Amino acid sequence: MLRTVMEKFPAGGPRGSWPAEEMARACRDEGMAAKVVMDLENDAFLVVVEREAVPAATVG
């Protein structure tokens, strides 16, 4: 499983605003498996999309 960080949002956003959740919802509406995770080290919310790993082509 591969993970791609789509966007990073500061944890101290304005009250009543959830930009990371809104972006994750928009990604899910487009068919992506998006979720929000907390990056404690950088005090930020990350929108992460999980994808299946594509096997490498074999050279014959």
PDB file of N, CA and C in Angstrom:
ATOM      1  N   MET A   1       0.843  -1.176   0.000  1.00  0.00           N
ATOM      2  CA  MET A   1       0.000   0.000   0.000  1.00  0.00           C
ATOM      3  C   MET A   1       0.889   1.239   0.000  1.00  0.00           C
ATOM      4  N   LEU A   2       0.650   2.117  -0.920  1.00  0.00           N
ATOM      5  CA  LEU A   2       1.387   3.375  -1.017  1.00  0.00           C
ATOM      6  C   LEU A   2       0.523   4.508  -0.480  1.00  0.00           C
ATOM      7  N   ARG A   3       1.153   5.461   0.175  1.00  0.00           N
ATOM      8  CA  ARG A   3       0.434   6.623   0.685  1.00  0.00           C
ATOM      9  C   ARG A   3       1.035   7.875   0.089  1.00  0.00           C
ATOM     10  N   THR A   4       0.164   8.784  -0.313  1.00  0.00           N
ATOM     11  CA  THR A   4       0.587  10.060  -0.868  1.00  0.00           C
ATOM     12  C   THR A   4      -0.043  11.172  -0.045  1.00  0.00           C
ATOM     13  N   VAL A   5       0.769  12.123   0.414  1.00  0.00           N
ATOM     14  CA  VAL A   5       0.251  13.289   1.125  1.00  0.00           C
ATOM     15  C   VAL A   5      -0.221  14.288   0.079  1.00  0.00           C
ATOM     16  N   MET A   6      -1.525  14.566   0.079  1.00  0.00           N
ATOM     17  CA  MET A   6      -2.097  15.484  -0.897  1.00  0.00           C
ATOM     18  C   MET A   6      -1.951  16.941  -0.470  1.00  0.00           C
ATOM     19  N   GLU A   7      -2.073  17.189   0.835  1.00  0.00           N
ATOM     20  CA  GLU A   7      -2.019  18.569   1.331  1.00  0.00           C
ATOM     21  C   GLU A   7      -1.708  18.541   2.821  1.00  0.00           C
ATOM     22  N   LYS A   8      -1.133  19.627   3.323  1.00  0.00           N
ATOM     23  CA  LYS A   8      -0.784  19.781   4.733  1.00  0.00           C
ATOM     24  C   LYS A   8      -1.462  21.041   5.258  1.00  0.00           C
ATOM     25  N   PHE A   9      -2.132  20.935   6.418  1.00  0.00           N
ATOM     26  CA  PHE A   9      -2.834  22.076   7.015  1.00  0.00           C
ATOM     27  C   PHE A   9      -2.354  22.266   8.445  1.00  0.00           C
ATOM     28  N   PRO A  10      -2.118  23.505   8.878  1.00  0.00           N
ATOM     29  CA  PRO A  10      -1.706  23.746  10.261  1.00  0.00           C
ATOM     30  C   PRO A  10      -2.812  23.335  11.227  1.00  0.00           C
ATOM     31  N   ALA A  11      -2.415  22.774  12.373  1.00  0.00           N
ATOM     32  CA  ALA A  11      -3.389  22.298  13.356  1.00  0.00           C
ATOM     33  C   ALA A  11      -4.126  23.449  14.037  1.00  0.00           C
ATOM     34  N   GLY A  12      -3.567  24.624  14.060  1.00  0.00           N
ATOM     35  CA  GLY A  12      -4.182  25.756  14.748  1.00  0.00           C
ATOM     36  C   GLY A  12      -5.086  26.581  13.855  1.00  0.00           C
ATOM     37  N   GLY A  13      -5.888  25.920  13.036  1.00  0.00           N
ATOM     38  CA  GLY A  13      -6.780  26.638  12.122  1.00  0.00           C
ATOM     39  C   GLY A  13      -7.888  27.368  12.855  1.00  0.00           C
ATOM     40  N   PRO A  14      -8.619  28.229  12.145  1.00  0.00           N
ATOM     41  CA  PRO A  14      -9.690  28.995  12.774  1.00  0.00           C
ATOM     42  C   PRO A  14     -10.807  28.088  13.286  1.00  0.00           C
ATOM     43  N   ARG A  15     -11.422  28.521  14.345  1.00  0.00           N
ATOM     44  CA  ARG A  15     -12.505  27.760  14.965  1.00  0.00           C
ATOM     45  C   ARG A  15     -13.665  27.603  13.984  1.00  0.00           C
ATOM     46  N   GLY A  16     -14.205  26.377  13.908  1.00  0.00           N
ATOM     47  CA  GLY A  16     -15.330  26.115  13.023  1.00  0.00           C
ATOM     48  C   GLY A  16     -14.917  25.816  11.596  1.00  0.00           C
ATOM     49  N   SER A  17     -13.624  25.862  11.309  1.00  0.00           N
ATOM     50  CA  SER A  17     -13.128  25.579   9.961  1.00  0.00           C
ATOM     51  C   SER A  17     -12.347  24.268   9.998  1.00  0.00           C
ATOM     52  N   TRP A  18     -12.666  23.377   9.088  1.00  0.00           N
ATOM     53  CA  TRP A  18     -12.007  22.073   9.019  1.00  0.00           C
ATOM     54  C   TRP A  18     -11.483  21.856   7.601  1.00  0.00           C
ATOM     55  N   PRO A  19     -10.481  22.628   7.159  1.00  0.00           N
ATOM     56  CA  PRO A  19     -10.040  22.530   5.766  1.00  0.00           C
ATOM     57  C   PRO A  19      -9.503  21.151   5.391  1.00  0.00           C
ATOM     58  N   ALA A  20      -8.829  20.467   6.305  1.00  0.00           N
ATOM     59  CA  ALA A  20      -8.303  19.135   5.974  1.00  0.00           C
ATOM     60  C   ALA A  20      -9.451  18.154   5.746  1.00  0.00           C
ATOM     61  N   GLU A  21     -10.466  18.197   6.601  1.00  0.00           N
ATOM     62  CA  GLU A  21     -11.621  17.309   6.437  1.00  0.00           C
ATOM     63  C   GLU A  21     -12.373  17.630   5.150  1.00  0.00           C
ATOM     64  N   GLU A  22     -12.493  18.915   4.838  1.00  0.00           N
ATOM     65  CA  GLU A  22     -13.189  19.313   3.609  1.00  0.00           C
ATOM     66  C   GLU A  22     -12.441  18.814   2.374  1.00  0.00           C
ATOM     67  N   MET A  23     -11.107  18.914   2.385  1.00  0.00           N
ATOM     68  CA  MET A  23     -10.340  18.437   1.244  1.00  0.00           C
ATOM     69  C   MET A  23     -10.426  16.917   1.129  1.00  0.00           C
ATOM     70  N   ALA A  24     -10.350  16.220   2.255  1.00  0.00           N
ATOM     71  CA  ALA A  24     -10.452  14.758   2.233  1.00  0.00           C
ATOM     72  C   ALA A  24     -11.814  14.329   1.676  1.00  0.00           C
ATOM     73  N   ARG A  25     -12.868  15.025   2.064  1.00  0.00           N
ATOM     74  CA  ARG A  25     -14.198  14.709   1.549  1.00  0.00           C
ATOM     75  C   ARG A  25     -14.263  14.927   0.039  1.00  0.00           C
ATOM     76  N   ALA A  26     -13.661  16.005  -0.441  1.00  0.00           N
ATOM     77  CA  ALA A  26     -13.641  16.276  -1.880  1.00  0.00           C
ATOM     78  C   ALA A  26     -12.878  15.181  -2.627  1.00  0.00           C
ATOM     79  N   CYS A  27     -11.780  14.711  -2.055  1.00  0.00           N
ATOM     80  CA  CYS A  27     -11.021  13.620  -2.669  1.00  0.00           C
ATOM     81  C   CYS A  27     -11.847  12.340  -2.689  1.00  0.00           C
ATOM     82  N   ARG A  28     -12.548  12.047  -1.583  1.00  0.00           N
ATOM     83  CA  ARG A  28     -13.398  10.854  -1.540  1.00  0.00           C
ATOM     84  C   ARG A  28     -14.525  10.955  -2.553  1.00  0.00           C
ATOM     85  N   ASP A  29     -15.060  12.151  -2.747  1.00  0.00           N
ATOM     86  CA  ASP A  29     -16.119  12.348  -3.753  1.00  0.00           C
ATOM     87  C   ASP A  29     -15.604  12.049  -5.161  1.00  0.00           C
ATOM     88  N   GLU A  30     -14.294  12.186  -5.374  1.00  0.00           N
ATOM     89  CA  GLU A  30     -13.677  11.887  -6.657  1.00  0.00           C
ATOM     90  C   GLU A  30     -13.214  10.434  -6.749  1.00  0.00           C
ATOM     91  N   GLY A  31     -13.525   9.631  -5.714  1.00  0.00           N
ATOM     92  CA  GLY A  31     -13.212   8.206  -5.742  1.00  0.00           C
ATOM     93  C   GLY A  31     -11.881   7.813  -5.122  1.00  0.00           C
ATOM     94  N   MET A  32     -11.201   8.755  -4.479  1.00  0.00           N
ATOM     95  CA  MET A  32      -9.928   8.442  -3.836  1.00  0.00           C
ATOM     96  C   MET A  32     -10.164   8.031  -2.390  1.00  0.00           C
ATOM     97  N   ALA A  33      -9.327   7.150  -1.884  1.00  0.00           N
ATOM     98  CA  ALA A  33      -9.420   6.693  -0.494  1.00  0.00           C
ATOM     99  C   ALA A  33      -8.641   7.667   0.394  1.00  0.00           C
ATOM    100  N   ALA A  34      -9.216   8.823   0.650  1.00  0.00           N
ATOM    101  CA  ALA A  34      -8.525   9.875   1.404  1.00  0.00           C
ATOM    102  C   ALA A  34      -8.933   9.858   2.867  1.00  0.00           C
ATOM    103  N   LYS A  35      -7.959  10.188   3.722  1.00  0.00           N
ATOM    104  CA  LYS A  35      -8.251  10.336   5.142  1.00  0.00           C
ATOM    105  C   LYS A  35      -7.344  11.412   5.713  1.00  0.00           C
ATOM    106  N   VAL A  36      -7.698  11.889   6.893  1.00  0.00           N
ATOM    107  CA  VAL A  36      -6.920  12.921   7.573  1.00  0.00           C
ATOM    108  C   VAL A  36      -6.145  12.261   8.711  1.00  0.00           C
ATOM    109  N   VAL A  37      -4.855  12.542   8.779  1.00  0.00           N
ATOM    110  CA  VAL A  37      -4.017  12.045   9.865  1.00  0.00           C
ATOM    111  C   VAL A  37      -3.289  13.235  10.496  1.00  0.00           C
ATOM    112  N   MET A  38      -2.907  13.056  11.750  1.00  0.00           N
ATOM    113  CA  MET A  38      -2.212  14.109  12.476  1.00  0.00           C
ATOM    114  C   MET A  38      -0.713  13.873  12.425  1.00  0.00           C
ATOM    115  N   ASP A  39       0.028  14.891  12.046  1.00  0.00           N
ATOM    116  CA  ASP A  39       1.486  14.868  12.084  1.00  0.00           C
ATOM    117  C   ASP A  39       1.875  15.594  13.374  1.00  0.00           C
ATOM    118  N   LEU A  40       2.090  14.826  14.443  1.00  0.00           N
ATOM    119  CA  LEU A  40       2.367  15.422  15.750  1.00  0.00           C
ATOM    120  C   LEU A  40       3.677  16.196  15.770  1.00  0.00           C
ATOM    121  N   GLU A  41       4.670  15.685  15.065  1.00  0.00           N
ATOM    122  CA  GLU A  41       5.986  16.325  15.049  1.00  0.00           C
ATOM    123  C   GLU A  41       5.924  17.751  14.496  1.00  0.00           C
ATOM    124  N   ASN A  42       5.068  17.952  13.473  1.00  0.00           N
ATOM    125  CA  ASN A  42       4.973  19.260  12.827  1.00  0.00           C
ATOM    126  C   ASN A  42       3.690  20.012  13.174  1.00  0.00           C
ATOM    127  N   ASP A  43       2.878  19.456  14.087  1.00  0.00           N
ATOM    128  CA  ASP A  43       1.628  20.079  14.517  1.00  0.00           C
ATOM    129  C   ASP A  43       0.758  20.459  13.319  1.00  0.00           C
ATOM    130  N   ALA A  44       0.476  19.435  12.484  1.00  0.00           N
ATOM    131  CA  ALA A  44      -0.289  19.678  11.266  1.00  0.00           C
ATOM    132  C   ALA A  44      -1.190  18.484  10.967  1.00  0.00           C
ATOM    133  N   PHE A  45      -2.242  18.754  10.207  1.00  0.00           N
ATOM    134  CA  PHE A  45      -3.106  17.695   9.696  1.00  0.00           C
ATOM    135  C   PHE A  45      -2.712  17.430   8.253  1.00  0.00           C
ATOM    136  N   LEU A  46      -2.622  16.153   7.888  1.00  0.00           N
ATOM    137  CA  LEU A  46      -2.265  15.759   6.526  1.00  0.00           C
ATOM    138  C   LEU A  46      -3.441  15.050   5.881  1.00  0.00           C
ATOM    139  N   VAL A  47      -3.717  15.372   4.631  1.00  0.00           N
ATOM    140  CA  VAL A  47      -4.700  14.636   3.851  1.00  0.00           C
ATOM    141  C   VAL A  47      -3.905  13.591   3.081  1.00  0.00           C
ATOM    142  N   VAL A  48      -4.182  12.329   3.375  1.00  0.00           N
ATOM    143  CA  VAL A  48      -3.422  11.214   2.815  1.00  0.00           C
ATOM    144  C   VAL A  48      -4.328  10.360   1.943  1.00  0.00           C
ATOM    145  N   VAL A  49      -3.823   9.977   0.774  1.00  0.00           N
ATOM    146  CA  VAL A  49      -4.544   9.085  -0.133  1.00  0.00           C
ATOM    147  C   VAL A  49      -3.771   7.783  -0.200  1.00  0.00           C
ATOM    148  N   GLU A  50      -4.475   6.673   0.031  1.00  0.00           N
ATOM    149  CA  GLU A  50      -3.853   5.356  -0.052  1.00  0.00           C
ATOM    150  C   GLU A  50      -4.119   4.756  -1.419  1.00  0.00           C
ATOM    151  N   ARG A  51      -3.089   4.129  -1.971  1.00  0.00           N
ATOM    152  CA  ARG A  51      -3.198   3.511  -3.297  1.00  0.00           C
ATOM    153  C   ARG A  51      -2.561   2.138  -3.251  1.00  0.00           C
ATOM    154  N   GLU A  52      -3.033   1.272  -4.114  1.00  0.00           N
ATOM    155  CA  GLU A  52      -2.437  -0.055  -4.246  1.00  0.00           C
ATOM    156  C   GLU A  52      -1.079   0.068  -4.919  1.00  0.00           C
ATOM    157  N   ALA A  53      -0.124  -0.706  -4.445  1.00  0.00           N
ATOM    158  CA  ALA A  53       1.186  -0.735  -5.082  1.00  0.00           C
ATOM    159  C   ALA A  53       1.079  -1.462  -6.412  1.00  0.00           C
ATOM    160  N   VAL A  54       1.668  -0.903  -7.438  1.00  0.00           N
ATOM    161  CA  VAL A  54       1.655  -1.516  -8.766  1.00  0.00           C
ATOM    162  C   VAL A  54       2.919  -2.366  -8.893  1.00  0.00           C
ATOM    163  N   PRO A  55       2.749  -3.663  -9.189  1.00  0.00           N
ATOM    164  CA  PRO A  55       3.951  -4.499  -9.314  1.00  0.00           C
ATOM    165  C   PRO A  55       4.850  -4.039 -10.460  1.00  0.00           C
ATOM    166  N   ALA A  56       6.141  -4.114 -10.251  1.00  0.00           N
ATOM    167  CA  ALA A  56       7.097  -3.708 -11.287  1.00  0.00           C
ATOM    168  C   ALA A  56       7.030  -4.693 -12.455  1.00  0.00           C
ATOM    169  N   ALA A  57       7.175  -4.176 -13.636  1.00  0.00           N
ATOM    170  CA  ALA A  57       7.157  -5.022 -14.837  1.00  0.00           C
ATOM    171  C   ALA A  57       8.428  -5.873 -14.862  1.00  0.00           C
ATOM    172  N   THR A  58       8.272  -7.106 -15.247  1.00  0.00           N
ATOM    173  CA  THR A  58       9.429  -7.992 -15.334  1.00  0.00           C
ATOM    174  C   THR A  58      10.003  -7.940 -16.744  1.00  0.00           C
ATOM    175  N   VAL A  59      11.294  -7.938 -16.802  1.00  0.00           N
ATOM    176  CA  VAL A  59      11.980  -7.918 -18.095  1.00  0.00           C
ATOM    177  C   VAL A  59      12.338  -9.353 -18.441  1.00  0.00           C
ATOM    178  N   GLY A  60      11.925  -9.806 -19.606  1.00  0.00           N
ATOM    179  CA  GLY A  60      12.025 -11.199 -19.913  1.00  0.00           C
ATOM    180  C   GLY A  60      13.118 -11.597 -20.773  1.00  0.00           C
TER     181      GLY A  60
END
